[in-house]
Protein backbone atom coordinates (compact mmCIF):
# COMPACT_ATOMS: atom_id res chain seq x y z
CA MET A 1 -0.09 0.10 0.05
CA ASN A 2 1.51 4.20 -1.48
CA GLU A 3 2.28 5.48 2.31
CA ASP A 4 3.06 8.83 -0.56
CA TYR A 5 1.17 11.39 0.81
CA SER A 6 0.09 14.43 2.87
CA CYS A 7 -0.97 13.62 6.18
CA PRO A 8 -0.56 16.02 9.18
CA CYS A 9 -1.17 13.45 12.25
CA ARG A 10 1.89 11.88 10.38
CA ASP A 11 3.52 15.38 10.39
CA VAL A 12 2.55 15.84 13.27
CA ASP A 13 3.55 13.58 15.93
CA PRO A 14 5.04 9.90 13.94
CA ASP A 15 5.52 8.43 16.32
CA ASN A 16 2.18 8.01 17.56
CA PHE A 17 0.92 7.42 13.64
CA ILE A 18 -0.22 3.92 12.33
CA THR A 19 0.91 3.10 8.83
CA ASN A 20 -1.55 2.26 6.46
CA GLU A 21 -0.24 -1.34 6.41
CA GLU A 22 -0.79 -1.43 9.86
CA VAL A 23 -4.62 -0.01 10.27
CA ILE A 24 -5.05 -2.84 7.32
CA GLU A 25 -3.96 -5.81 9.34
CA LEU A 26 -4.98 -4.47 12.81
CA LEU A 27 -8.68 -4.74 11.11
CA LYS A 28 -7.89 -8.39 9.44
CA THR A 29 -6.36 -9.50 13.07
CA LYS A 30 -8.61 -7.03 15.57
CA ASP A 31 -10.51 -10.59 17.35
CA ASN A 32 -7.10 -11.40 18.49
CA TYR A 33 -6.71 -8.86 20.23
CA LYS A 34 -7.82 -5.77 22.82
CA PHE A 35 -6.91 -2.12 22.89
CA LYS A 36 -5.41 -0.89 25.62
CA GLN A 37 -5.44 2.45 27.43
CA GLU A 38 -2.38 3.88 26.06
CA ASP A 39 -2.86 3.07 22.59
CA TYR A 40 -5.16 5.52 22.44
CA LEU A 41 -3.27 8.18 21.47
CA ARG A 42 -2.34 5.97 18.51
CA VAL A 43 -5.48 4.65 17.07
CA TYR A 44 -6.55 8.66 17.14
CA ASN A 45 -4.50 10.14 15.58
CA CYS A 46 -6.49 10.84 12.88
CA VAL A 47 -8.59 13.55 11.55
CA HIS A 48 -9.85 12.13 9.18
CA CYS A 49 -8.88 14.57 6.18
CA GLY A 50 -8.88 11.48 3.76
CA ALA A 51 -5.31 11.87 2.59
CA CYS A 52 -3.94 8.85 3.51
CA GLY A 53 -7.10 6.28 2.06
CA THR A 54 -7.58 4.11 5.19
CA HIS A 55 -9.85 7.26 7.16
CA TYR A 56 -12.74 4.94 7.23
CA GLU A 57 -10.83 2.04 8.49
CA ARG A 58 -9.32 3.72 10.64
CA PHE A 59 -12.95 5.20 11.78
CA LEU A 60 -13.55 0.85 12.46
CA LEU A 61 -10.09 1.55 15.25
CA LYS A 62 -11.37 3.99 16.94
CA GLN A 63 -15.23 1.66 17.37
CA LYS A 64 -13.10 -0.70 18.82
CA ILE A 65 -11.29 0.88 20.90
CA LEU A 66 -14.54 1.97 22.77
CA LYS A 67 -15.47 -1.95 22.79
CA ASP A 68 -12.59 -2.85 24.07
CA GLY A 69 -13.85 -0.73 27.26
CA ASN A 70 -10.89 2.39 26.64
CA LYS A 71 -12.59 5.63 28.12
CA ILE A 72 -11.87 9.17 25.92
CA GLU A 73 -12.17 12.54 27.77
CA GLY A 74 -13.90 14.69 26.69
CA LEU A 75 -15.76 12.34 24.42
CA SER A 76 -19.26 13.19 24.92
CA GLU A 77 -18.08 16.67 23.64
CA GLN A 78 -16.69 15.72 20.58
CA ILE A 79 -19.80 13.99 19.19
CA GLU A 80 -22.06 16.53 19.91
CA THR A 81 -20.19 19.27 18.34
CA LEU A 82 -20.04 16.84 15.17
CA GLU A 83 -23.62 16.34 15.61
CA LYS A 84 -24.33 19.85 16.20
CA PHE A 85 -22.07 21.29 13.00
CA GLY A 86 -20.56 18.13 11.33
CA THR A 87 -16.75 18.21 9.98
CA PRO A 88 -14.54 19.93 8.05
CA PHE A 89 -12.97 16.98 6.07
CA LYS A 90 -16.63 15.49 4.63
CA TYR A 91 -15.08 15.62 0.49
CA ASN A 92 -11.06 16.11 0.15
CA LYS A 93 -11.47 18.85 -1.69
CA SER A 94 -12.02 21.16 0.56
CA ARG A 95 -8.45 21.68 1.52
CA ILE A 96 -6.58 24.29 0.25
CA LYS A 97 -3.63 24.57 -0.95
CA PRO A 98 -1.13 27.24 0.97
CA LEU A 99 -1.92 31.00 -0.30
CA LYS A 100 0.74 33.53 -0.92
CA GLY A 101 1.35 35.09 2.73
CA THR A 102 -0.32 31.66 4.15
CA ASN A 103 2.18 30.86 7.47
CA GLU A 104 2.20 27.24 5.37
CA ASN A 105 3.90 25.67 8.96
CA SER A 106 0.70 27.20 10.32
CA LYS A 107 -0.11 23.61 13.41
CA THR A 108 -3.75 25.31 13.37
CA LEU A 109 -4.15 24.63 9.51
CA LEU A 110 -2.20 21.60 9.66
CA TYR A 111 -3.52 19.23 12.61
CA PHE A 112 -7.52 20.48 10.87
CA GLY A 113 -5.91 19.18 7.47
CA ALA A 114 -7.33 22.32 5.67
CA LEU A 115 -3.81 21.84 3.53
CA ARG A 116 -3.05 20.18 1.02
CA PRO A 117 0.55 19.87 -1.96
């Protein structure tokens, strides 16, 4: 699977980023393991910008971490916000190329997946 894509989560926190191959393998073997609380940072290091091509699979891993009995601080507030406002990442085409004068190193824009190559 191709790992050559621009991903804000991998760029900001590479130590906690799960590769596409790892995501697929984790889903194939999901009945053979249980996530632990300390797996949270790795599993939730995805803003679902769609750049990797496995954002749906990553969502399934997020569901599994909850089904395995782990807790996520602020989850109910996140759900309430998404239900009220939706997500800005419905389409990759909503991401922008940096405009002249835009801080291309903006951690905020990078985190929200607004920048694309």
